[in-house]
């Protein structure tokens, strides 16, 4: 199980099938929320699931892409969601960053 400390998070990747569309929108929404936390040290990008950068700390992806994300970024915590419009993974990440908690993917699909 991969675990990251909130203070150590530097790169968050919003991953999707082809790297456009929903991941770009999701990444832009998450960028604003991270900026509002005052965490200018965190970079948020979007990427195709098979091209996640090696130095990624957190991956946010639809649950159908979770296994591919884990294979592409084995050192990253993979947080998944079921519904793009109600993205529980982004909400969970923001809560953990705000509280300074450990971040892990223990809660399972749609966590």
PDB file of N, CA and C in Angstrom:
ATOM      1  N   UNK A   1       0.834  -1.181   0.000  1.00  0.00           N
ATOM      2  CA  UNK A   1       0.000   0.000   0.000  1.00  0.00           C
ATOM      3  C   UNK A   1       0.884   1.252   0.000  1.00  0.00           C
ATOM      4  N   UNK A   2       0.601   2.136  -0.913  1.00  0.00           N
ATOM      5  CA  UNK A   2       1.341   3.386  -1.003  1.00  0.00           C
ATOM      6  C   UNK A   2       0.671   4.421  -0.107  1.00  0.00           C
ATOM      7  N   UNK A   3       1.497   5.133   0.670  1.00  0.00           N
ATOM      8  CA  UNK A   3       1.011   6.192   1.555  1.00  0.00           C
ATOM      9  C   UNK A   3       1.885   7.418   1.344  1.00  0.00           C
ATOM     10  N   UNK A   4       1.262   8.579   1.303  1.00  0.00           N
ATOM     11  CA  UNK A   4       1.992   9.842   1.192  1.00  0.00           C
ATOM     12  C   UNK A   4       1.562  10.749   2.328  1.00  0.00           C
ATOM     13  N   UNK A   5       2.497  11.499   2.850  1.00  0.00           N
ATOM     14  CA  UNK A   5       2.185  12.531   3.833  1.00  0.00           C
ATOM     15  C   UNK A   5       1.698  13.766   3.086  1.00  0.00           C
ATOM     16  N   UNK A   6       0.670  14.417   3.599  1.00  0.00           N
ATOM     17  CA  UNK A   6       0.116  15.601   2.936  1.00  0.00           C
ATOM     18  C   UNK A   6       1.198  16.651   2.665  1.00  0.00           C
ATOM     19  N   UNK A   7       2.102  16.827   3.602  1.00  0.00           N
ATOM     20  CA  UNK A   7       3.153  17.841   3.449  1.00  0.00           C
ATOM     21  C   UNK A   7       4.141  17.505   2.341  1.00  0.00           C
ATOM     22  N   UNK A   8       4.213  16.230   1.952  1.00  0.00           N
ATOM     23  CA  UNK A   8       5.175  15.798   0.939  1.00  0.00           C
ATOM     24  C   UNK A   8       4.611  15.795  -0.479  1.00  0.00           C
ATOM     25  N   UNK A   9       3.326  16.058  -0.633  1.00  0.00           N
ATOM     26  CA  UNK A   9       2.704  16.023  -1.953  1.00  0.00           C
ATOM     27  C   UNK A   9       3.179  17.217  -2.774  1.00  0.00           C
ATOM     28  N   UNK A  10       3.722  16.922  -3.965  1.00  0.00           N
ATOM     29  CA  UNK A  10       4.205  17.967  -4.870  1.00  0.00           C
ATOM     30  C   UNK A  10       3.565  17.887  -6.246  1.00  0.00           C
ATOM     31  N   UNK A  11       3.160  16.666  -6.686  1.00  0.00           N
ATOM     32  CA  UNK A  11       2.580  16.516  -8.012  1.00  0.00           C
ATOM     33  C   UNK A  11       1.331  15.642  -7.946  1.00  0.00           C
ATOM     34  N   UNK A  12       0.221  16.219  -8.408  1.00  0.00           N
ATOM     35  CA  UNK A  12      -1.055  15.507  -8.496  1.00  0.00           C
ATOM     36  C   UNK A  12      -1.418  15.414  -9.969  1.00  0.00           C
ATOM     37  N   UNK A  13      -1.745  14.216 -10.420  1.00  0.00           N
ATOM     38  CA  UNK A  13      -2.132  14.005 -11.817  1.00  0.00           C
ATOM     39  C   UNK A  13      -3.579  13.565 -11.888  1.00  0.00           C
ATOM     40  N   UNK A  14      -4.364  14.280 -12.678  1.00  0.00           N
ATOM     41  CA  UNK A  14      -5.750  13.892 -12.957  1.00  0.00           C
ATOM     42  C   UNK A  14      -5.672  13.111 -14.252  1.00  0.00           C
ATOM     43  N   UNK A  15      -5.871  11.806 -14.175  1.00  0.00           N
ATOM     44  CA  UNK A  15      -5.663  10.928 -15.328  1.00  0.00           C
ATOM     45  C   UNK A  15      -6.977  10.534 -15.989  1.00  0.00           C
ATOM     46  N   UNK A  16      -6.913  10.365 -17.308  1.00  0.00           N
ATOM     47  CA  UNK A  16      -8.073   9.849 -18.038  1.00  0.00           C
ATOM     48  C   UNK A  16      -7.577   8.979 -19.182  1.00  0.00           C
ATOM     49  N   UNK A  17      -8.495   8.505 -19.967  1.00  0.00           N
ATOM     50  CA  UNK A  17      -8.175   7.575 -21.051  1.00  0.00           C
ATOM     51  C   UNK A  17      -7.207   8.170 -22.075  1.00  0.00           C
ATOM     52  N   UNK A  18      -7.510   9.368 -22.573  1.00  0.00           N
ATOM     53  CA  UNK A  18      -6.708   9.943 -23.657  1.00  0.00           C
ATOM     54  C   UNK A  18      -5.987  11.237 -23.281  1.00  0.00           C
ATOM     55  N   UNK A  19      -6.240  11.769 -22.097  1.00  0.00           N
ATOM     56  CA  UNK A  19      -5.519  12.962 -21.660  1.00  0.00           C
ATOM     57  C   UNK A  19      -6.168  14.281 -22.020  1.00  0.00           C
ATOM     58  N   UNK A  20      -7.393  14.258 -22.444  1.00  0.00           N
ATOM     59  CA  UNK A  20      -8.087  15.493 -22.794  1.00  0.00           C
ATOM     60  C   UNK A  20      -9.460  15.494 -22.127  1.00  0.00           C
ATOM     61  N   UNK A  21     -10.230  16.496 -22.398  1.00  0.00           N
ATOM     62  CA  UNK A  21     -11.618  16.543 -21.954  1.00  0.00           C
ATOM     63  C   UNK A  21     -11.789  16.550 -20.462  1.00  0.00           C
ATOM     64  N   UNK A  22     -12.353  15.477 -19.928  1.00  0.00           N
ATOM     65  CA  UNK A  22     -12.714  15.451 -18.506  1.00  0.00           C
ATOM     66  C   UNK A  22     -11.508  15.617 -17.594  1.00  0.00           C
ATOM     67  N   UNK A  23     -10.355  15.081 -17.962  1.00  0.00           N
ATOM     68  CA  UNK A  23      -9.190  15.232 -17.081  1.00  0.00           C
ATOM     69  C   UNK A  23      -8.705  16.672 -17.053  1.00  0.00           C
ATOM     70  N   UNK A  24      -8.819  17.372 -18.156  1.00  0.00           N
ATOM     71  CA  UNK A  24      -8.426  18.783 -18.191  1.00  0.00           C
ATOM     72  C   UNK A  24      -9.352  19.603 -17.302  1.00  0.00           C
ATOM     73  N   UNK A  25     -10.644  19.361 -17.406  1.00  0.00           N
ATOM     74  CA  UNK A  25     -11.608  20.069 -16.567  1.00  0.00           C
ATOM     75  C   UNK A  25     -11.362  19.736 -15.092  1.00  0.00           C
ATOM     76  N   UNK A  26     -11.210  18.455 -14.796  1.00  0.00           N
ATOM     77  CA  UNK A  26     -10.964  18.036 -13.416  1.00  0.00           C
ATOM     78  C   UNK A  26      -9.685  18.625 -12.852  1.00  0.00           C
ATOM     79  N   UNK A  27      -8.627  18.628 -13.648  1.00  0.00           N
ATOM     80  CA  UNK A  27      -7.346  19.191 -13.202  1.00  0.00           C
ATOM     81  C   UNK A  27      -7.481  20.681 -12.927  1.00  0.00           C
ATOM     82  N   UNK A  28      -8.173  21.409 -13.794  1.00  0.00           N
ATOM     83  CA  UNK A  28      -8.345  22.846 -13.592  1.00  0.00           C
ATOM     84  C   UNK A  28      -9.149  23.154 -12.340  1.00  0.00           C
ATOM     85  N   UNK A  29     -10.190  22.365 -12.081  1.00  0.00           N
ATOM     86  CA  UNK A  29     -10.980  22.555 -10.862  1.00  0.00           C
ATOM     87  C   UNK A  29     -10.129  22.267  -9.628  1.00  0.00           C
ATOM     88  N   UNK A  30      -9.340  21.185  -9.694  1.00  0.00           N
ATOM     89  CA  UNK A  30      -8.497  20.822  -8.563  1.00  0.00           C
ATOM     90  C   UNK A  30      -7.388  21.850  -8.344  1.00  0.00           C
ATOM     91  N   UNK A  31      -6.811  22.383  -9.410  1.00  0.00           N
ATOM     92  CA  UNK A  31      -5.785  23.436  -9.290  1.00  0.00           C
ATOM     93  C   UNK A  31      -6.305  24.601  -8.462  1.00  0.00           C
ATOM     94  N   UNK A  32      -7.529  25.025  -8.763  1.00  0.00           N
ATOM     95  CA  UNK A  32      -8.115  26.154  -8.032  1.00  0.00           C
ATOM     96  C   UNK A  32      -8.285  25.812  -6.557  1.00  0.00           C
ATOM     97  N   UNK A  33      -8.761  24.619  -6.270  1.00  0.00           N
ATOM     98  CA  UNK A  33      -8.967  24.221  -4.874  1.00  0.00           C
ATOM     99  C   UNK A  33      -7.641  24.120  -4.114  1.00  0.00           C
ATOM    100  N   UNK A  34      -6.599  23.604  -4.766  1.00  0.00           N
ATOM    101  CA  UNK A  34      -5.280  23.503  -4.134  1.00  0.00           C
ATOM    102  C   UNK A  34      -4.708  24.899  -3.901  1.00  0.00           C
ATOM    103  N   UNK A  35      -4.882  25.782  -4.883  1.00  0.00           N
ATOM    104  CA  UNK A  35      -4.409  27.167  -4.738  1.00  0.00           C
ATOM    105  C   UNK A  35      -5.115  27.848  -3.569  1.00  0.00           C
ATOM    106  N   UNK A  36      -6.427  27.602  -3.438  1.00  0.00           N
ATOM    107  CA  UNK A  36      -7.198  28.191  -2.340  1.00  0.00           C
ATOM    108  C   UNK A  36      -6.705  27.716  -0.976  1.00  0.00           C
ATOM    109  N   UNK A  37      -6.059  26.549  -0.937  1.00  0.00           N
ATOM    110  CA  UNK A  37      -5.477  26.036   0.315  1.00  0.00           C
ATOM    111  C   UNK A  37      -4.160  26.736   0.646  1.00  0.00           C
ATOM    112  N   UNK A  38      -3.618  27.468  -0.331  1.00  0.00           N
ATOM    113  CA  UNK A  38      -2.324  28.095  -0.137  1.00  0.00           C
ATOM    114  C   UNK A  38      -1.165  27.149  -0.385  1.00  0.00           C
ATOM    115  N   UNK A  39      -1.429  26.044  -1.070  1.00  0.00           N
ATOM    116  CA  UNK A  39      -0.383  25.057  -1.361  1.00  0.00           C
ATOM    117  C   UNK A  39       0.200  25.298  -2.757  1.00  0.00           C
ATOM    118  N   UNK A  40       0.930  26.401  -2.884  1.00  0.00           N
ATOM    119  CA  UNK A  40       1.561  26.740  -4.159  1.00  0.00           C
ATOM    120  C   UNK A  40       2.676  25.767  -4.532  1.00  0.00           C
ATOM    121  N   UNK A  41       3.063  24.913  -3.586  1.00  0.00           N
ATOM    122  CA  UNK A  41       4.108  23.928  -3.835  1.00  0.00           C
ATOM    123  C   UNK A  41       3.575  22.685  -4.543  1.00  0.00           C
ATOM    124  N   UNK A  42       2.259  22.604  -4.734  1.00  0.00           N
ATOM    125  CA  UNK A  42       1.660  21.445  -5.391  1.00  0.00           C
ATOM    126  C   UNK A  42       1.298  21.803  -6.824  1.00  0.00           C
ATOM    127  N   UNK A  43       1.788  21.001  -7.751  1.00  0.00           N
ATOM    128  CA  UNK A  43       1.460  21.155  -9.166  1.00  0.00           C
ATOM    129  C   UNK A  43       0.377  20.142  -9.510  1.00  0.00           C
ATOM    130  N   UNK A  44      -0.666  20.593 -10.214  1.00  0.00           N
ATOM    131  CA  UNK A  44      -1.751  19.720 -10.648  1.00  0.00           C
ATOM    132  C   UNK A  44      -1.771  19.730 -12.171  1.00  0.00           C
ATOM    133  N   UNK A  45      -1.692  18.545 -12.763  1.00  0.00           N
ATOM    134  CA  UNK A  45      -1.707  18.425 -14.230  1.00  0.00           C
ATOM    135  C   UNK A  45      -2.703  17.339 -14.636  1.00  0.00           C
ATOM    136  N   UNK A  46      -2.974  17.261 -15.932  1.00  0.00           N
ATOM    137  CA  UNK A  46      -3.785  16.162 -16.466  1.00  0.00           C
ATOM    138  C   UNK A  46      -2.904  15.350 -17.388  1.00  0.00           C
ATOM    139  N   UNK A  47      -3.230  14.068 -17.530  1.00  0.00           N
ATOM    140  CA  UNK A  47      -2.387  13.169 -18.309  1.00  0.00           C
ATOM    141  C   UNK A  47      -3.179  11.941 -18.745  1.00  0.00           C
ATOM    142  N   UNK A  48      -2.817  11.386 -19.906  1.00  0.00           N
ATOM    143  CA  UNK A  48      -3.352  10.058 -20.244  1.00  0.00           C
ATOM    144  C   UNK A  48      -2.855   9.058 -19.191  1.00  0.00           C
ATOM    145  N   UNK A  49      -3.667   8.106 -18.840  1.00  0.00           N
ATOM    146  CA  UNK A  49      -3.337   7.173 -17.768  1.00  0.00           C
ATOM    147  C   UNK A  49      -2.038   6.413 -18.030  1.00  0.00           C
ATOM    148  N   UNK A  50      -1.717   6.150 -19.276  1.00  0.00           N
ATOM    149  CA  UNK A  50      -0.490   5.404 -19.589  1.00  0.00           C
ATOM    150  C   UNK A  50       0.751   6.281 -19.634  1.00  0.00           C
ATOM    151  N   UNK A  51       0.604   7.589 -19.414  1.00  0.00           N
ATOM    152  CA  UNK A  51       1.739   8.512 -19.484  1.00  0.00           C
ATOM    153  C   UNK A  51       1.905   9.326 -18.205  1.00  0.00           C
ATOM    154  N   UNK A  52       1.495   8.778 -17.084  1.00  0.00           N
ATOM    155  CA  UNK A  52       1.625   9.473 -15.808  1.00  0.00           C
ATOM    156  C   UNK A  52       3.111   9.625 -15.487  1.00  0.00           C
ATOM    157  N   UNK A  53       3.566  10.835 -15.155  1.00  0.00           N
ATOM    158  CA  UNK A  53       4.986  11.045 -14.840  1.00  0.00           C
ATOM    159  C   UNK A  53       5.448  10.204 -13.641  1.00  0.00           C
ATOM    160  N   UNK A  54       6.700   9.787 -13.681  1.00  0.00           N
ATOM    161  CA  UNK A  54       7.260   8.913 -12.640  1.00  0.00           C
ATOM    162  C   UNK A  54       7.290   9.562 -11.263  1.00  0.00           C
ATOM    163  N   UNK A  55       7.375  10.895 -11.204  1.00  0.00           N
ATOM    164  CA  UNK A  55       7.480  11.575  -9.914  1.00  0.00           C
ATOM    165  C   UNK A  55       6.124  11.978  -9.328  1.00  0.00           C
ATOM    166  N   UNK A  56       5.050  11.392  -9.847  1.00  0.00           N
ATOM    167  CA  UNK A  56       3.702  11.707  -9.369  1.00  0.00           C
ATOM    168  C   UNK A  56       3.494  11.181  -7.953  1.00  0.00           C
ATOM    169  N   UNK A  57       2.911  12.029  -7.106  1.00  0.00           N
ATOM    170  CA  UNK A  57       2.588  11.629  -5.737  1.00  0.00           C
ATOM    171  C   UNK A  57       1.177  11.073  -5.620  1.00  0.00           C
ATOM    172  N   UNK A  58       0.222  11.753  -6.266  1.00  0.00           N
ATOM    173  CA  UNK A  58      -1.190  11.379  -6.185  1.00  0.00           C
ATOM    174  C   UNK A  58      -1.766  11.320  -7.596  1.00  0.00           C
ATOM    175  N   UNK A  59      -2.508  10.260  -7.893  1.00  0.00           N
ATOM    176  CA  UNK A  59      -3.247  10.156  -9.152  1.00  0.00           C
ATOM    177  C   UNK A  59      -4.728  10.132  -8.806  1.00  0.00           C
ATOM    178  N   UNK A  60      -5.496  10.938  -9.516  1.00  0.00           N
ATOM    179  CA  UNK A  60      -6.947  10.898  -9.401  1.00  0.00           C
ATOM    180  C   UNK A  60      -7.466  10.382 -10.733  1.00  0.00           C
ATOM    181  N   UNK A  61      -8.228   9.284 -10.689  1.00  0.00           N
ATOM    182  CA  UNK A  61      -8.691   8.639 -11.922  1.00  0.00           C
ATOM    183  C   UNK A  61     -10.048   7.982 -11.688  1.00  0.00           C
ATOM    184  N   UNK A  62     -10.781   7.821 -12.773  1.00  0.00           N
ATOM    185  CA  UNK A  62     -12.029   7.062 -12.704  1.00  0.00           C
ATOM    186  C   UNK A  62     -11.693   5.643 -12.268  1.00  0.00           C
ATOM    187  N   UNK A  63     -12.587   5.012 -11.509  1.00  0.00           N
ATOM    188  CA  UNK A  63     -12.302   3.674 -10.976  1.00  0.00           C
ATOM    189  C   UNK A  63     -12.012   2.648 -12.066  1.00  0.00           C
ATOM    190  N   UNK A  64     -12.534   2.849 -13.266  1.00  0.00           N
ATOM    191  CA  UNK A  64     -12.265   1.935 -14.372  1.00  0.00           C
ATOM    192  C   UNK A  64     -10.829   2.012 -14.877  1.00  0.00           C
ATOM    193  N   UNK A  65     -10.124   3.069 -14.499  1.00  0.00           N
ATOM    194  CA  UNK A  65      -8.725   3.242 -14.905  1.00  0.00           C
ATOM    195  C   UNK A  65      -7.745   2.982 -13.762  1.00  0.00           C
ATOM    196  N   UNK A  66      -8.254   2.598 -12.606  1.00  0.00           N
ATOM    197  CA  UNK A  66      -7.421   2.481 -11.413  1.00  0.00           C
ATOM    198  C   UNK A  66      -6.254   1.519 -11.576  1.00  0.00           C
ATOM    199  N   UNK A  67      -6.500   0.332 -12.091  1.00  0.00           N
ATOM    200  CA  UNK A  67      -5.413  -0.646 -12.234  1.00  0.00           C
ATOM    201  C   UNK A  67      -4.346  -0.150 -13.201  1.00  0.00           C
ATOM    202  N   UNK A  68      -4.767   0.442 -14.299  1.00  0.00           N
ATOM    203  CA  UNK A  68      -3.795   0.990 -15.251  1.00  0.00           C
ATOM    204  C   UNK A  68      -2.993   2.116 -14.611  1.00  0.00           C
ATOM    205  N   UNK A  69      -3.640   2.948 -13.799  1.00  0.00           N
ATOM    206  CA  UNK A  69      -2.937   4.038 -13.116  1.00  0.00           C
ATOM    207  C   UNK A  69      -1.919   3.481 -12.123  1.00  0.00           C
ATOM    208  N   UNK A  70      -2.298   2.437 -11.400  1.00  0.00           N
ATOM    209  CA  UNK A  70      -1.361   1.829 -10.436  1.00  0.00           C
ATOM    210  C   UNK A  70      -0.145   1.232 -11.138  1.00  0.00           C
ATOM    211  N   UNK A  71      -0.354   0.641 -12.301  1.00  0.00           N
ATOM    212  CA  UNK A  71       0.767   0.078 -13.063  1.00  0.00           C
ATOM    213  C   UNK A  71       1.654   1.174 -13.635  1.00  0.00           C
ATOM    214  N   UNK A  72       1.038   2.262 -14.094  1.00  0.00           N
ATOM    215  CA  UNK A  72       1.799   3.359 -14.698  1.00  0.00           C
ATOM    216  C   UNK A  72       2.552   4.172 -13.649  1.00  0.00           C
ATOM    217  N   UNK A  73       2.008   4.234 -12.426  1.00  0.00           N
ATOM    218  CA  UNK A  73       2.615   5.048 -11.366  1.00  0.00           C
ATOM    219  C   UNK A  73       2.626   4.266 -10.047  1.00  0.00           C
ATOM    220  N   UNK A  74       3.478   3.241  -9.950  1.00  0.00           N
ATOM    221  CA  UNK A  74       3.459   2.373  -8.767  1.00  0.00           C
ATOM    222  C   UNK A  74       3.843   3.068  -7.457  1.00  0.00           C
ATOM    223  N   UNK A  75       4.510   4.196  -7.524  1.00  0.00           N
ATOM    224  CA  UNK A  75       4.910   4.912  -6.313  1.00  0.00           C
ATOM    225  C   UNK A  75       3.896   5.968  -5.902  1.00  0.00           C
ATOM    226  N   UNK A  76       2.805   6.099  -6.641  1.00  0.00           N
ATOM    227  CA  UNK A  76       1.791   7.113  -6.352  1.00  0.00           C
ATOM    228  C   UNK A  76       0.588   6.507  -5.639  1.00  0.00           C
ATOM    229  N   UNK A  77      -0.082   7.332  -4.854  1.00  0.00           N
ATOM    230  CA  UNK A  77      -1.373   6.965  -4.280  1.00  0.00           C
ATOM    231  C   UNK A  77      -2.413   7.201  -5.370  1.00  0.00           C
ATOM    232  N   UNK A  78      -3.231   6.199  -5.642  1.00  0.00           N
ATOM    233  CA  UNK A  78      -4.279   6.325  -6.655  1.00  0.00           C
ATOM    234  C   UNK A  78      -5.624   6.461  -5.944  1.00  0.00           C
ATOM    235  N   UNK A  79      -6.245   7.616  -6.129  1.00  0.00           N
ATOM    236  CA  UNK A  79      -7.569   7.883  -5.578  1.00  0.00           C
ATOM    237  C   UNK A  79      -8.562   7.804  -6.728  1.00  0.00           C
ATOM    238  N   UNK A  80      -9.658   7.089  -6.518  1.00  0.00           N
ATOM    239  CA  UNK A  80     -10.601   6.875  -7.612  1.00  0.00           C
ATOM    240  C   UNK A  80     -11.955   7.505  -7.328  1.00  0.00           C
ATOM    241  N   UNK A  81     -12.674   7.732  -8.413  1.00  0.00           N
ATOM    242  CA  UNK A  81     -14.037   8.244  -8.313  1.00  0.00           C
ATOM    243  C   UNK A  81     -14.917   7.488  -9.288  1.00  0.00           C
ATOM    244  N   UNK A  82     -16.221   7.519  -9.040  1.00  0.00           N
ATOM    245  CA  UNK A  82     -17.195   6.876  -9.927  1.00  0.00           C
ATOM    246  C   UNK A  82     -17.873   7.877 -10.840  1.00  0.00           C
ATOM    247  N   UNK A  83     -18.164   9.047 -10.289  1.00  0.00           N
ATOM    248  CA  UNK A  83     -18.947  10.035 -11.004  1.00  0.00           C
ATOM    249  C   UNK A  83     -18.146  11.324 -11.118  1.00  0.00           C
ATOM    250  N   UNK A  84     -17.882  11.742 -12.344  1.00  0.00           N
ATOM    251  CA  UNK A  84     -17.076  12.939 -12.558  1.00  0.00           C
ATOM    252  C   UNK A  84     -17.701  14.168 -11.906  1.00  0.00           C
ATOM    253  N   UNK A  85     -19.029  14.273 -11.937  1.00  0.00           N
ATOM    254  CA  UNK A  85     -19.701  15.451 -11.386  1.00  0.00           C
ATOM    255  C   UNK A  85     -19.707  15.469  -9.865  1.00  0.00           C
ATOM    256  N   UNK A  86     -19.520  14.329  -9.244  1.00  0.00           N
ATOM    257  CA  UNK A  86     -19.460  14.236  -7.789  1.00  0.00           C
ATOM    258  C   UNK A  86     -18.167  13.501  -7.435  1.00  0.00           C
ATOM    259  N   UNK A  87     -17.047  14.149  -7.685  1.00  0.00           N
ATOM    260  CA  UNK A  87     -15.737  13.523  -7.590  1.00  0.00           C
ATOM    261  C   UNK A  87     -15.267  13.439  -6.134  1.00  0.00           C
ATOM    262  N   UNK A  88     -15.551  12.316  -5.513  1.00  0.00           N
ATOM    263  CA  UNK A  88     -15.188  12.104  -4.110  1.00  0.00           C
ATOM    264  C   UNK A  88     -13.675  12.051  -3.913  1.00  0.00           C
ATOM    265  N   UNK A  89     -12.916  11.644  -4.931  1.00  0.00           N
ATOM    266  CA  UNK A  89     -11.459  11.544  -4.795  1.00  0.00           C
ATOM    267  C   UNK A  89     -10.833  12.923  -4.611  1.00  0.00           C
ATOM    268  N   UNK A  90     -11.262  13.890  -5.391  1.00  0.00           N
ATOM    269  CA  UNK A  90     -10.739  15.259  -5.236  1.00  0.00           C
ATOM    270  C   UNK A  90     -11.122  15.822  -3.875  1.00  0.00           C
ATOM    271  N   UNK A  91     -12.366  15.582  -3.464  1.00  0.00           N
ATOM    272  CA  UNK A  91     -12.818  16.055  -2.153  1.00  0.00           C
ATOM    273  C   UNK A  91     -11.981  15.444  -1.036  1.00  0.00           C
ATOM    274  N   UNK A  92     -11.726  14.146  -1.149  1.00  0.00           N
ATOM    275  CA  UNK A  92     -10.933  13.451  -0.133  1.00  0.00           C
ATOM    276  C   UNK A  92      -9.497  13.993  -0.089  1.00  0.00           C
ATOM    277  N   UNK A  93      -8.918  14.239  -1.253  1.00  0.00           N
ATOM    278  CA  UNK A  93      -7.561  14.783  -1.296  1.00  0.00           C
ATOM    279  C   UNK A  93      -7.514  16.150  -0.627  1.00  0.00           C
ATOM    280  N   UNK A  94      -8.447  17.018  -0.941  1.00  0.00           N
ATOM    281  CA  UNK A  94      -8.466  18.358  -0.356  1.00  0.00           C
ATOM    282  C   UNK A  94      -8.621  18.274   1.161  1.00  0.00           C
ATOM    283  N   UNK A  95      -9.506  17.403   1.649  1.00  0.00           N
ATOM    284  CA  UNK A  95      -9.667  17.231   3.108  1.00  0.00           C
ATOM    285  C   UNK A  95      -8.358  16.780   3.751  1.00  0.00           C
ATOM    286  N   UNK A  96      -7.678  15.814   3.125  1.00  0.00           N
ATOM    287  CA  UNK A  96      -6.424  15.298   3.686  1.00  0.00           C
ATOM    288  C   UNK A  96      -5.321  16.344   3.656  1.00  0.00           C
ATOM    289  N   UNK A  97      -5.231  17.114   2.582  1.00  0.00           N
ATOM    290  CA  UNK A  97      -4.231  18.178   2.503  1.00  0.00           C
ATOM    291  C   UNK A  97      -4.502  19.242   3.561  1.00  0.00           C
ATOM    292  N   UNK A  98      -5.765  19.593   3.738  1.00  0.00           N
ATOM    293  CA  UNK A  98      -6.139  20.606   4.727  1.00  0.00           C
ATOM    294  C   UNK A  98      -5.792  20.150   6.144  1.00  0.00           C
ATOM    295  N   UNK A  99      -6.061  18.880   6.433  1.00  0.00           N
ATOM    296  CA  UNK A  99      -5.828  18.339   7.777  1.00  0.00           C
ATOM    297  C   UNK A  99      -4.385  17.906   7.998  1.00  0.00           C
ATOM    298  N   UNK A 100      -3.584  17.847   6.934  1.00  0.00           N
ATOM    299  CA  UNK A 100      -2.200  17.399   7.066  1.00  0.00           C
ATOM    300  C   UNK A 100      -2.088  15.915   7.338  1.00  0.00           C
ATOM    301  N   UNK A 101      -3.042  15.143   6.831  1.00  0.00           N
ATOM    302  CA  UNK A 101      -3.102  13.702   7.092  1.00  0.00           C
ATOM    303  C   UNK A 101      -2.290  12.890   6.094  1.00  0.00           C
ATOM    304  N   UNK A 102      -2.080  11.622   6.457  1.00  0.00           N
ATOM    305  CA  UNK A 102      -1.556  10.657   5.491  1.00  0.00           C
ATOM    306  C   UNK A 102      -2.616  10.445   4.425  1.00  0.00           C
ATOM    307  N   UNK A 103      -2.161  10.210   3.208  1.00  0.00           N
ATOM    308  CA  UNK A 103      -3.073   9.958   2.100  1.00  0.00           C
ATOM    309  C   UNK A 103      -2.772   8.566   1.574  1.00  0.00           C
ATOM    310  N   UNK A 104      -3.825   7.728   1.532  1.00  0.00           N
ATOM    311  CA  UNK A 104      -3.670   6.382   1.000  1.00  0.00           C
ATOM    312  C   UNK A 104      -4.943   6.021   0.250  1.00  0.00           C
ATOM    313  N   UNK A 105      -4.890   4.947  -0.506  1.00  0.00           N
ATOM    314  CA  UNK A 105      -6.037   4.515  -1.306  1.00  0.00           C
ATOM    315  C   UNK A 105      -6.764   3.353  -0.653  1.00  0.00           C
ATOM    316  N   UNK A 106      -6.652   3.208   0.665  1.00  0.00           N
ATOM    317  CA  UNK A 106      -7.235   2.078   1.381  1.00  0.00           C
ATOM    318  C   UNK A 106      -8.740   1.919   1.237  1.00  0.00           C
ATOM    319  N   UNK A 107      -9.460   3.002   1.060  1.00  0.00           N
ATOM    320  CA  UNK A 107     -10.916   2.937   1.113  1.00  0.00           C
ATOM    321  C   UNK A 107     -11.532   2.197  -0.066  1.00  0.00           C
ATOM    322  N   UNK A 108     -10.764   1.879  -1.099  1.00  0.00           N
ATOM    323  CA  UNK A 108     -11.269   1.082  -2.213  1.00  0.00           C
ATOM    324  C   UNK A 108     -11.894   1.906  -3.306  1.00  0.00           C
ATOM    325  N   UNK A 109     -12.575   1.278  -4.258  1.00  0.00           N
ATOM    326  CA  UNK A 109     -13.149   1.965  -5.406  1.00  0.00           C
ATOM    327  C   UNK A 109     -14.101   3.071  -4.996  1.00  0.00           C
ATOM    328  N   UNK A 110     -13.999   4.177  -5.735  1.00  0.00           N
ATOM    329  CA  UNK A 110     -14.875   5.296  -5.492  1.00  0.00           C
ATOM    330  C   UNK A 110     -14.553   6.052  -4.226  1.00  0.00           C
ATOM    331  N   UNK A 111     -13.390   5.768  -3.637  1.00  0.00           N
ATOM    332  CA  UNK A 111     -13.032   6.415  -2.379  1.00  0.00           C
ATOM    333  C   UNK A 111     -12.752   7.880  -2.555  1.00  0.00           C
TER     334      UNK A 111
END
